[in-house]
C-alpha atoms as a PDB file:
ATOM      1  CA  UNK A   1    -119.572 -89.689  53.238  1.00  0.00           C
ATOM      2  CA  UNK A   2    -119.123 -90.326  56.954  1.00  0.00           C
ATOM      3  CA  UNK A   3    -115.634 -91.565  57.841  1.00  0.00           C
ATOM      4  CA  UNK A   4    -115.521 -94.855  59.731  1.00  0.00           C
ATOM      5  CA  UNK A   5    -113.007 -95.384  62.512  1.00  0.00           C
ATOM      6  CA  UNK A   6    -110.599 -98.252  61.763  1.00  0.00           C
ATOM      7  CA  UNK A   7    -109.084 -98.423  65.238  1.00  0.00           C
ATOM      8  CA  UNK A   8    -109.381-102.065  66.353  1.00  0.00           C
ATOM      9  CA  UNK A   9    -111.209-102.778  69.583  1.00  0.00           C
ATOM     10  CA  UNK A  10    -108.964-104.121  72.324  1.00  0.00           C
ATOM     11  CA  UNK A  11    -109.548-107.118  74.553  1.00  0.00           C
ATOM     12  CA  UNK A  12    -109.589-106.176  78.272  1.00  0.00           C
ATOM     13  CA  UNK A  13    -107.133-108.627  79.848  1.00  0.00           C
ATOM     14  CA  UNK A  14    -108.087-108.484  83.529  1.00  0.00           C
ATOM     15  CA  UNK A  15    -111.801-108.195  82.817  1.00  0.00           C
ATOM     16  CA  UNK A  16    -111.597-111.266  80.579  1.00  0.00           C
ATOM     17  CA  UNK A  17    -109.939-113.232  83.372  1.00  0.00           C
ATOM     18  CA  UNK A  18    -112.542-112.048  85.885  1.00  0.00           C
ATOM     19  CA  UNK A  19    -115.348-113.058  83.533  1.00  0.00           C
ATOM     20  CA  UNK A  20    -113.777-116.495  83.038  1.00  0.00           C
ATOM     21  CA  UNK A  21    -113.428-117.018  86.787  1.00  0.00           C
ATOM     22  CA  UNK A  22    -117.011-115.868  87.430  1.00  0.00           C
ATOM     23  CA  UNK A  23    -118.351-118.084  84.651  1.00  0.00           C
ATOM     24  CA  UNK A  24    -116.385-121.065  85.891  1.00  0.00           C
ATOM     25  CA  UNK A  25    -117.585-120.627  89.486  1.00  0.00           C
ATOM     26  CA  UNK A  26    -121.192-120.798  88.293  1.00  0.00           C
ATOM     27  CA  UNK A  27    -120.641-123.871  86.108  1.00  0.00           C
ATOM     28  CA  UNK A  28    -117.807-125.601  87.973  1.00  0.00           C
ATOM     29  CA  UNK A  29    -119.635-128.587  89.408  1.00  0.00           C
ATOM     30  CA  UNK A  30    -121.384-129.389  86.122  1.00  0.00           C
ATOM     31  CA  UNK A  31    -118.170-129.075  84.130  1.00  0.00           C
ATOM     32  CA  UNK A  32    -116.296-131.232  86.631  1.00  0.00           C
ATOM     33  CA  UNK A  33    -119.117-133.792  86.528  1.00  0.00           C
ATOM     34  CA  UNK A  34    -118.833-133.900  82.736  1.00  0.00           C
ATOM     35  CA  UNK A  35    -115.097-134.503  83.000  1.00  0.00           C
ATOM     36  CA  UNK A  36    -115.658-137.266  85.551  1.00  0.00           C
ATOM     37  CA  UNK A  37    -118.148-138.852  83.161  1.00  0.00           C
ATOM     38  CA  UNK A  38    -115.434-138.732  80.500  1.00  0.00           C
ATOM     39  CA  UNK A  39    -112.978-140.543  82.750  1.00  0.00           C
ATOM     40  CA  UNK A  40    -115.701-143.044  83.610  1.00  0.00           C
ATOM     41  CA  UNK A  41    -116.424-143.689  79.925  1.00  0.00           C
ATOM     42  CA  UNK A  42    -112.736-144.241  79.195  1.00  0.00           C
ATOM     43  CA  UNK A  43    -112.384-146.646  82.128  1.00  0.00           C
ATOM     44  CA  UNK A  44    -115.539-148.460  81.018  1.00  0.00           C
ATOM     45  CA  UNK A  45    -114.193-148.943  77.499  1.00  0.00           C
ATOM     46  CA  UNK A  46    -110.859-150.174  78.875  1.00  0.00           C
ATOM     47  CA  UNK A  47    -112.659-152.734  81.034  1.00  0.00           C
ATOM     48  CA  UNK A  48    -114.832-153.918  78.136  1.00  0.00           C
ATOM     49  CA  UNK A  49    -111.816-154.290  75.839  1.00  0.00           C
ATOM     50  CA  UNK A  50    -109.826-156.076  78.533  1.00  0.00           C
ATOM     51  CA  UNK A  51    -112.694-158.530  79.122  1.00  0.00           C
ATOM     52  CA  UNK A  52    -113.054-159.091  75.373  1.00  0.00           C
ATOM     53  CA  UNK A  53    -109.339-159.715  74.944  1.00  0.00           C
ATOM     54  CA  UNK A  54    -109.309-162.060  77.925  1.00  0.00           C
ATOM     55  CA  UNK A  55    -112.305-164.020  76.641  1.00  0.00           C
ATOM     56  CA  UNK A  56    -110.744-164.399  73.201  1.00  0.00           C
ATOM     57  CA  UNK A  57    -107.499-165.587  74.778  1.00  0.00           C
ATOM     58  CA  UNK A  58    -109.413-168.297  76.674  1.00  0.00           C
ATOM     59  CA  UNK A  59    -111.246-169.406  73.526  1.00  0.00           C
ATOM     60  CA  UNK A  60    -108.369-169.469  71.059  1.00  0.00           C
ATOM     61  CA  UNK A  61    -105.640-170.214  73.564  1.00  0.00           C
ATOM     62  CA  UNK A  62    -103.523-167.046  73.297  1.00  0.00           C
ATOM     63  CA  UNK A  63    -101.836-165.310  70.408  1.00  0.00           C
ATOM     64  CA  UNK A  64     -98.717-165.708  68.379  1.00  0.00           C
ATOM     65  CA  UNK A  65     -95.117-164.916  69.194  1.00  0.00           C
ATOM     66  CA  UNK A  66     -95.935-161.369  70.220  1.00  0.00           C
ATOM     67  CA  UNK A  67     -98.835-162.487  72.445  1.00  0.00           C
ATOM     68  CA  UNK A  68    -101.590-161.076  70.227  1.00  0.00           C
ATOM     69  CA  UNK A  69    -103.545-162.969  67.617  1.00  0.00           C
ATOM     70  CA  UNK A  70    -105.074-161.268  64.552  1.00  0.00           C
ATOM     71  CA  UNK A  71    -108.399-161.155  66.401  1.00  0.00           C
ATOM     72  CA  UNK A  72    -106.712-159.406  69.317  1.00  0.00           C
ATOM     73  CA  UNK A  73    -105.224-156.854  66.953  1.00  0.00           C
ATOM     74  CA  UNK A  74    -108.616-156.183  65.377  1.00  0.00           C
ATOM     75  CA  UNK A  75    -110.070-155.349  68.799  1.00  0.00           C
ATOM     76  CA  UNK A  76    -107.109-153.141  69.686  1.00  0.00           C
ATOM     77  CA  UNK A  77    -107.236-151.282  66.361  1.00  0.00           C
ATOM     78  CA  UNK A  78    -110.996-150.754  66.703  1.00  0.00           C
ATOM     79  CA  UNK A  79    -110.493-149.535  70.263  1.00  0.00           C
ATOM     80  CA  UNK A  80    -108.217-146.636  69.270  1.00  0.00           C
ATOM     81  CA  UNK A  81    -110.807-144.716  67.185  1.00  0.00           C
ATOM     82  CA  UNK A  82    -113.346-145.431  69.907  1.00  0.00           C
ATOM     83  CA  UNK A  83    -111.164-143.694  72.487  1.00  0.00           C
ATOM     84  CA  UNK A  84    -110.608-140.775  70.087  1.00  0.00           C
ATOM     85  CA  UNK A  85    -114.345-140.471  69.385  1.00  0.00           C
ATOM     86  CA  UNK A  86    -115.154-140.395  73.104  1.00  0.00           C
ATOM     87  CA  UNK A  87    -112.513-137.722  73.733  1.00  0.00           C
ATOM     88  CA  UNK A  88    -113.797-135.568  70.860  1.00  0.00           C
ATOM     89  CA  UNK A  89    -117.446-135.914  71.869  1.00  0.00           C
ATOM     90  CA  UNK A  90    -116.733-134.879  75.453  1.00  0.00           C
ATOM     91  CA  UNK A  91    -114.505-132.018  74.263  1.00  0.00           C
ATOM     92  CA  UNK A  92    -117.339-130.572  72.178  1.00  0.00           C
ATOM     93  CA  UNK A  93    -119.812-131.072  75.023  1.00  0.00           C
ATOM     94  CA  UNK A  94    -117.467-129.249  77.414  1.00  0.00           C
ATOM     95  CA  UNK A  95    -117.303-126.161  75.216  1.00  0.00           C
ATOM     96  CA  UNK A  96    -121.080-126.197  74.709  1.00  0.00           C
ATOM     97  CA  UNK A  97    -121.660-126.547  78.443  1.00  0.00           C
ATOM     98  CA  UNK A  98    -119.424-123.543  79.165  1.00  0.00           C
ATOM     99  CA  UNK A  99    -121.252-121.454  76.574  1.00  0.00           C
ATOM    100  CA  UNK A 100    -124.711-122.479  77.787  1.00  0.00           C
ATOM    101  CA  UNK A 101    -123.696-121.690  81.363  1.00  0.00           C
ATOM    102  CA  UNK A 102    -122.558-118.206  80.373  1.00  0.00           C
ATOM    103  CA  UNK A 103    -126.022-117.709  78.876  1.00  0.00           C
ATOM    104  CA  UNK A 104    -127.587-118.682  82.210  1.00  0.00           C
ATOM    105  CA  UNK A 105    -128.921-122.020  80.948  1.00  0.00           C
ATOM    106  CA  UNK A 106    -128.511-125.451  82.551  1.00  0.00           C
ATOM    107  CA  UNK A 107    -128.605-128.029  79.759  1.00  0.00           C
ATOM    108  CA  UNK A 108    -128.672-131.751  80.435  1.00  0.00           C
ATOM    109  CA  UNK A 109    -125.243-133.297  80.018  1.00  0.00           C
ATOM    110  CA  UNK A 110    -126.624-136.200  77.979  1.00  0.00           C
ATOM    111  CA  UNK A 111    -128.271-133.766  75.581  1.00  0.00           C
ATOM    112  CA  UNK A 112    -124.920-132.054  75.050  1.00  0.00           C
ATOM    113  CA  UNK A 113    -123.243-135.397  74.378  1.00  0.00           C
ATOM    114  CA  UNK A 114    -125.944-136.352  71.874  1.00  0.00           C
ATOM    115  CA  UNK A 115    -125.550-133.130  69.873  1.00  0.00           C
ATOM    116  CA  UNK A 116    -124.622-134.321  66.328  1.00  0.00           C
ATOM    117  CA  UNK A 117    -122.746-131.174  65.269  1.00  0.00           C
ATOM    118  CA  UNK A 118    -120.001-130.745  64.413  1.00  0.00           C
ATOM    119  CA  UNK A 119    -118.942-133.925  62.662  1.00  0.00           C
ATOM    120  CA  UNK A 120    -116.355-135.783  64.715  1.00  0.00           C
ATOM    121  CA  UNK A 121    -114.341-136.430  61.568  1.00  0.00           C
ATOM    122  CA  UNK A 122    -114.217-132.721  60.701  1.00  0.00           C
ATOM    123  CA  UNK A 123    -113.448-131.809  64.323  1.00  0.00           C
ATOM    124  CA  UNK A 124    -110.594-134.311  64.411  1.00  0.00           C
ATOM    125  CA  UNK A 125    -109.301-132.994  61.077  1.00  0.00           C
ATOM    126  CA  UNK A 126    -109.312-129.443  62.434  1.00  0.00           C
ATOM    127  CA  UNK A 127    -107.395-130.482  65.554  1.00  0.00           C
ATOM    128  CA  UNK A 128    -104.899-132.464  63.466  1.00  0.00           C
ATOM    129  CA  UNK A 129    -104.291-129.721  60.898  1.00  0.00           C
ATOM    130  CA  UNK A 130    -103.961-126.897  63.435  1.00  0.00           C
ATOM    131  CA  UNK A 131    -101.640-129.029  65.595  1.00  0.00           C
ATOM    132  CA  UNK A 132     -99.431-129.822  62.587  1.00  0.00           C
ATOM    133  CA  UNK A 133     -99.199-126.116  61.771  1.00  0.00           C
ATOM    134  CA  UNK A 134     -98.209-125.294  65.349  1.00  0.00           C
ATOM    135  CA  UNK A 135     -95.542-128.007  65.406  1.00  0.00           C
ATOM    136  CA  UNK A 136     -94.225-126.819  62.046  1.00  0.00           C
ATOM    137  CA  UNK A 137     -94.138-123.213  63.217  1.00  0.00           C
ATOM    138  CA  UNK A 138     -92.345-124.085  66.447  1.00  0.00           C
ATOM    139  CA  UNK A 139     -89.959-126.386  64.572  1.00  0.00           C
ATOM    140  CA  UNK A 140     -88.866-123.794  62.039  1.00  0.00           C
ATOM    141  CA  UNK A 141     -88.720-120.744  64.272  1.00  0.00           C
ATOM    142  CA  UNK A 142     -90.153-120.027  67.695  1.00  0.00           C
ATOM    143  CA  UNK A 143     -91.862-116.743  66.826  1.00  0.00           C
ATOM    144  CA  UNK A 144     -93.974-118.126  63.952  1.00  0.00           C
ATOM    145  CA  UNK A 145     -95.060-120.908  66.278  1.00  0.00           C
ATOM    146  CA  UNK A 146     -96.073-118.439  68.980  1.00  0.00           C
ATOM    147  CA  UNK A 147     -97.948-116.346  66.410  1.00  0.00           C
ATOM    148  CA  UNK A 148     -99.827-119.404  65.135  1.00  0.00           C
ATOM    149  CA  UNK A 149    -100.623-120.536  68.675  1.00  0.00           C
ATOM    150  CA  UNK A 150    -102.189-117.156  69.448  1.00  0.00           C
ATOM    151  CA  UNK A 151    -103.910-116.738  66.076  1.00  0.00           C
ATOM    152  CA  UNK A 152    -105.419-120.227  66.356  1.00  0.00           C
ATOM    153  CA  UNK A 153    -106.190-119.979  70.082  1.00  0.00           C
ATOM    154  CA  UNK A 154    -109.956-120.186  69.440  1.00  0.00           C
ATOM    155  CA  UNK A 155    -109.800-122.307  66.288  1.00  0.00           C
ATOM    156  CA  UNK A 156    -112.145-125.050  67.538  1.00  0.00           C
ATOM    157  CA  UNK A 157    -114.987-122.778  68.561  1.00  0.00           C
ATOM    158  CA  UNK A 158    -116.132-121.461  65.153  1.00  0.00           C
ATOM    159  CA  UNK A 159    -116.699-125.058  64.085  1.00  0.00           C
ATOM    160  CA  UNK A 160    -118.726-125.769  67.234  1.00  0.00           C
ATOM    161  CA  UNK A 161    -120.770-122.567  67.437  1.00  0.00           C
ATOM    162  CA  UNK A 162    -120.828-121.295  63.839  1.00  0.00           C
ATOM    163  CA  UNK A 163    -120.897-124.613  61.945  1.00  0.00           C
ATOM    164  CA  UNK A 164    -117.765-123.541  60.063  1.00  0.00           C
ATOM    165  CA  UNK A 165    -115.663-125.990  58.081  1.00  0.00           C
ATOM    166  CA  UNK A 166    -112.026-126.812  58.750  1.00  0.00           C
ATOM    167  CA  UNK A 167    -110.428-124.031  56.702  1.00  0.00           C
ATOM    168  CA  UNK A 168    -113.186-121.541  57.537  1.00  0.00           C
ATOM    169  CA  UNK A 169    -112.659-122.211  61.263  1.00  0.00           C
ATOM    170  CA  UNK A 170    -108.954-121.460  60.908  1.00  0.00           C
ATOM    171  CA  UNK A 171    -109.637-118.263  58.945  1.00  0.00           C
ATOM    172  CA  UNK A 172    -112.266-117.239  61.474  1.00  0.00           C
ATOM    173  CA  UNK A 173    -109.872-117.714  64.399  1.00  0.00           C
ATOM    174  CA  UNK A 174    -107.214-115.598  62.663  1.00  0.00           C
ATOM    175  CA  UNK A 175    -109.821-112.921  61.966  1.00  0.00           C
ATOM    176  CA  UNK A 176    -111.138-112.848  65.535  1.00  0.00           C
ATOM    177  CA  UNK A 177    -107.707-112.680  67.162  1.00  0.00           C
ATOM    178  CA  UNK A 178    -106.261-110.064  64.780  1.00  0.00           C
ATOM    179  CA  UNK A 179    -105.288-106.920  66.689  1.00  0.00           C
ATOM    180  CA  UNK A 180    -105.440-108.646  70.078  1.00  0.00           C
ATOM    181  CA  UNK A 181    -102.634-111.210  69.900  1.00  0.00           C
ATOM    182  CA  UNK A 182    -100.530-109.549  72.613  1.00  0.00           C
ATOM    183  CA  UNK A 183    -103.546-109.223  74.904  1.00  0.00           C
ATOM    184  CA  UNK A 184    -104.433-112.880  74.382  1.00  0.00           C
ATOM    185  CA  UNK A 185    -100.811-113.698  75.183  1.00  0.00           C
ATOM    186  CA  UNK A 186    -101.085-111.631  78.373  1.00  0.00           C
ATOM    187  CA  UNK A 187    -104.198-113.577  79.415  1.00  0.00           C
ATOM    188  CA  UNK A 188    -102.472-116.922  78.980  1.00  0.00           C
ATOM    189  CA  UNK A 189     -99.257-115.707  80.613  1.00  0.00           C
ATOM    190  CA  UNK A 190    -101.163-114.675  83.739  1.00  0.00           C
ATOM    191  CA  UNK A 191    -102.952-118.030  83.864  1.00  0.00           C
ATOM    192  CA  UNK A 192     -99.674-119.852  83.233  1.00  0.00           C
ATOM    193  CA  UNK A 193     -97.952-117.863  85.977  1.00  0.00           C
ATOM    194  CA  UNK A 194    -100.669-118.872  88.427  1.00  0.00           C
ATOM    195  CA  UNK A 195    -100.261-122.515  87.411  1.00  0.00           C
ATOM    196  CA  UNK A 196     -96.467-122.383  87.835  1.00  0.00           C
ATOM    197  CA  UNK A 197     -96.858-120.856  91.304  1.00  0.00           C
ATOM    198  CA  UNK A 198     -99.205-123.674  92.279  1.00  0.00           C
ATOM    199  CA  UNK A 199     -96.870-126.366  90.907  1.00  0.00           C
ATOM    200  CA  UNK A 200     -93.915-124.943  92.835  1.00  0.00           C
ATOM    201  CA  UNK A 201     -95.997-124.654  96.002  1.00  0.00           C
ATOM    202  CA  UNK A 202     -97.340-128.200  95.651  1.00  0.00           C
ATOM    203  CA  UNK A 203     -93.872-129.621  94.916  1.00  0.00           C
ATOM    204  CA  UNK A 204     -92.531-127.910  98.024  1.00  0.00           C
ATOM    205  CA  UNK A 205     -95.314-129.383 100.171  1.00  0.00           C
ATOM    206  CA  UNK A 206     -94.713-132.870  98.771  1.00  0.00           C
ATOM    207  CA  UNK A 207     -90.989-132.578  99.443  1.00  0.00           C
ATOM    208  CA  UNK A 208     -91.534-131.280 102.978  1.00  0.00           C
ATOM    209  CA  UNK A 209     -93.997-134.055 103.893  1.00  0.00           C
ATOM    210  CA  UNK A 210     -92.355-136.960 102.075  1.00  0.00           C
ATOM    211  CA  UNK A 211     -90.974-139.893 104.002  1.00  0.00           C
ATOM    212  CA  UNK A 212     -88.518-142.252 102.322  1.00  0.00           C
ATOM    213  CA  UNK A 213     -90.241-145.395 100.965  1.00  0.00           C
ATOM    214  CA  UNK A 214     -93.503-144.546 102.710  1.00  0.00           C
ATOM    215  CA  UNK A 215     -96.875-143.130 101.776  1.00  0.00           C
ATOM    216  CA  UNK A 216     -98.291-141.091 104.618  1.00  0.00           C
ATOM    217  CA  UNK A 217    -101.894-139.896 105.070  1.00  0.00           C
ATOM    218  CA  UNK A 218    -100.677-136.345 104.482  1.00  0.00           C
ATOM    219  CA  UNK A 219     -99.248-137.343 101.103  1.00  0.00           C
ATOM    220  CA  UNK A 220    -102.493-139.090 100.167  1.00  0.00           C
ATOM    221  CA  UNK A 221    -104.447-135.956 101.100  1.00  0.00           C
ATOM    222  CA  UNK A 222    -102.091-133.775  99.043  1.00  0.00           C
ATOM    223  CA  UNK A 223    -102.404-136.061  96.018  1.00  0.00           C
ATOM    224  CA  UNK A 224    -106.198-135.929  96.332  1.00  0.00           C
ATOM    225  CA  UNK A 225    -106.075-132.123  96.475  1.00  0.00           C
ATOM    226  CA  UNK A 226    -103.811-132.114  93.424  1.00  0.00           C
ATOM    227  CA  UNK A 227    -106.303-134.278  91.522  1.00  0.00           C
ATOM    228  CA  UNK A 228    -109.082-131.837  92.430  1.00  0.00           C
ATOM    229  CA  UNK A 229    -106.944-128.901  91.311  1.00  0.00           C
ATOM    230  CA  UNK A 230    -106.220-130.656  88.009  1.00  0.00           C
ATOM    231  CA  UNK A 231    -109.961-131.082  87.408  1.00  0.00           C
ATOM    232  CA  UNK A 232    -110.598-127.445  88.288  1.00  0.00           C
ATOM    233  CA  UNK A 233    -107.798-126.141  86.090  1.00  0.00           C
ATOM    234  CA  UNK A 234    -108.855-128.294  83.137  1.00  0.00           C
ATOM    235  CA  UNK A 235    -112.453-127.104  83.276  1.00  0.00           C
ATOM    236  CA  UNK A 236    -111.378-123.489  83.852  1.00  0.00           C
ATOM    237  CA  UNK A 237    -109.230-123.670  80.703  1.00  0.00           C
ATOM    238  CA  UNK A 238    -112.330-124.630  78.710  1.00  0.00           C
ATOM    239  CA  UNK A 239    -114.320-121.754  80.209  1.00  0.00           C
ATOM    240  CA  UNK A 240    -111.477-119.319  79.499  1.00  0.00           C
ATOM    241  CA  UNK A 241    -111.398-120.287  75.814  1.00  0.00           C
ATOM    242  CA  UNK A 242    -115.151-119.804  75.492  1.00  0.00           C
ATOM    243  CA  UNK A 243    -115.031-116.415  77.232  1.00  0.00           C
ATOM    244  CA  UNK A 244    -112.173-115.335  74.959  1.00  0.00           C
ATOM    245  CA  UNK A 245    -114.098-116.446  71.880  1.00  0.00           C
ATOM    246  CA  UNK A 246    -117.293-114.691  72.949  1.00  0.00           C
ATOM    247  CA  UNK A 247    -115.489-111.432  73.773  1.00  0.00           C
ATOM    248  CA  UNK A 248    -113.413-111.439  70.589  1.00  0.00           C
ATOM    249  CA  UNK A 249    -116.526-112.107  68.554  1.00  0.00           C
ATOM    250  CA  UNK A 250    -118.393-109.291  70.311  1.00  0.00           C
ATOM    251  CA  UNK A 251    -115.524-106.888  69.598  1.00  0.00           C
ATOM    252  CA  UNK A 252    -115.390-107.780  65.908  1.00  0.00           C
ATOM    253  CA  UNK A 253    -119.149-107.714  65.430  1.00  0.00           C
ATOM    254  CA  UNK A 254    -119.715-104.437  67.293  1.00  0.00           C
ATOM    255  CA  UNK A 255    -121.113-101.678  65.045  1.00  0.00           C
ATOM    256  CA  UNK A 256    -118.500 -99.338  63.605  1.00  0.00           C
ATOM    257  CA  UNK A 257    -118.284 -95.896  65.222  1.00  0.00           C
ATOM    258  CA  UNK A 258    -118.033 -92.870  62.896  1.00  0.00           C
ATOM    259  CA  UNK A 259    -114.684 -91.169  63.362  1.00  0.00           C
ATOM    260  CA  UNK A 260    -116.130 -87.662  63.089  1.00  0.00           C
ATOM    261  CA  UNK A 261    -118.970 -88.235  65.524  1.00  0.00           C
ATOM    262  CA  UNK A 262    -119.033 -85.506  68.161  1.00  0.00           C
ATOM    263  CA  UNK A 263    -121.428 -84.983  71.062  1.00  0.00           C
ATOM    264  CA  UNK A 264    -124.339 -82.688  70.280  1.00  0.00           C
ATOM    265  CA  UNK A 265    -124.026 -79.222  71.828  1.00  0.00           C
ATOM    266  CA  UNK A 266    -126.081 -78.661  74.914  1.00  0.00           C
ATOM    267  CA  UNK A 267    -129.107 -76.439  74.513  1.00  0.00           C
ATOM    268  CA  UNK A 268    -128.691 -72.934  75.921  1.00  0.00           C
ATOM    269  CA  UNK A 269    -130.604 -72.220  79.065  1.00  0.00           C
ATOM    270  CA  UNK A 270    -131.120 -68.540  78.092  1.00  0.00           C
ATOM    271  CA  UNK A 271    -134.636 -67.452  77.244  1.00  0.00           C
END
């Protein structure tokens, strides 16, 4: 029987970062537009709820001792799951957009937002359960928390792209990241280092250009640039997760190479 090599394939750190940057450059404006649509949806819901609360206050003449009537509380309580649902729907659409862009496709943003899978309830449950595990791991000991953070670094993507359930998504993430935890850590450390350098640089610029009790045009320009950077970094983080997931999946699903395979001997040129 042919022996099969059990040596795990390794994630190329720098190549993964280059692929994430290249993928983000191609999809940046669409991903940023999707994020702006998310902010717009949140602002729209806030305005609608504020108008509804104001109208109810005019009709019933205000609330009780705490300023909110039972009707007000009903609107507020209903508003919370609405905000959560919007955030989850745009989160799923962001990952799908990054994946479609890496495939060279340009899907309509509304089509991505209308995609019914996965279930928002299951997606929320996965986020909640994985977050609780991370908090528990970090609360007990730091190292278990770091291990869980790395092992579950792509936990959301099996549910989105493989239709996996909550527990299956967690098992799948652990399976995909096994053997590459330190390399995944290296990827995130390099990205985190770049972010820290930017924060220090931006803080220094703000300090150097600040004027006591005054907002100058230079400060306004710097704050605008910081907002743009925040959008870029947020969308790049999504692209990086998708690239990591795709590369880890490709490594795990690559055909096994026989350990005793050797190149065939070259044919002799003698007559």
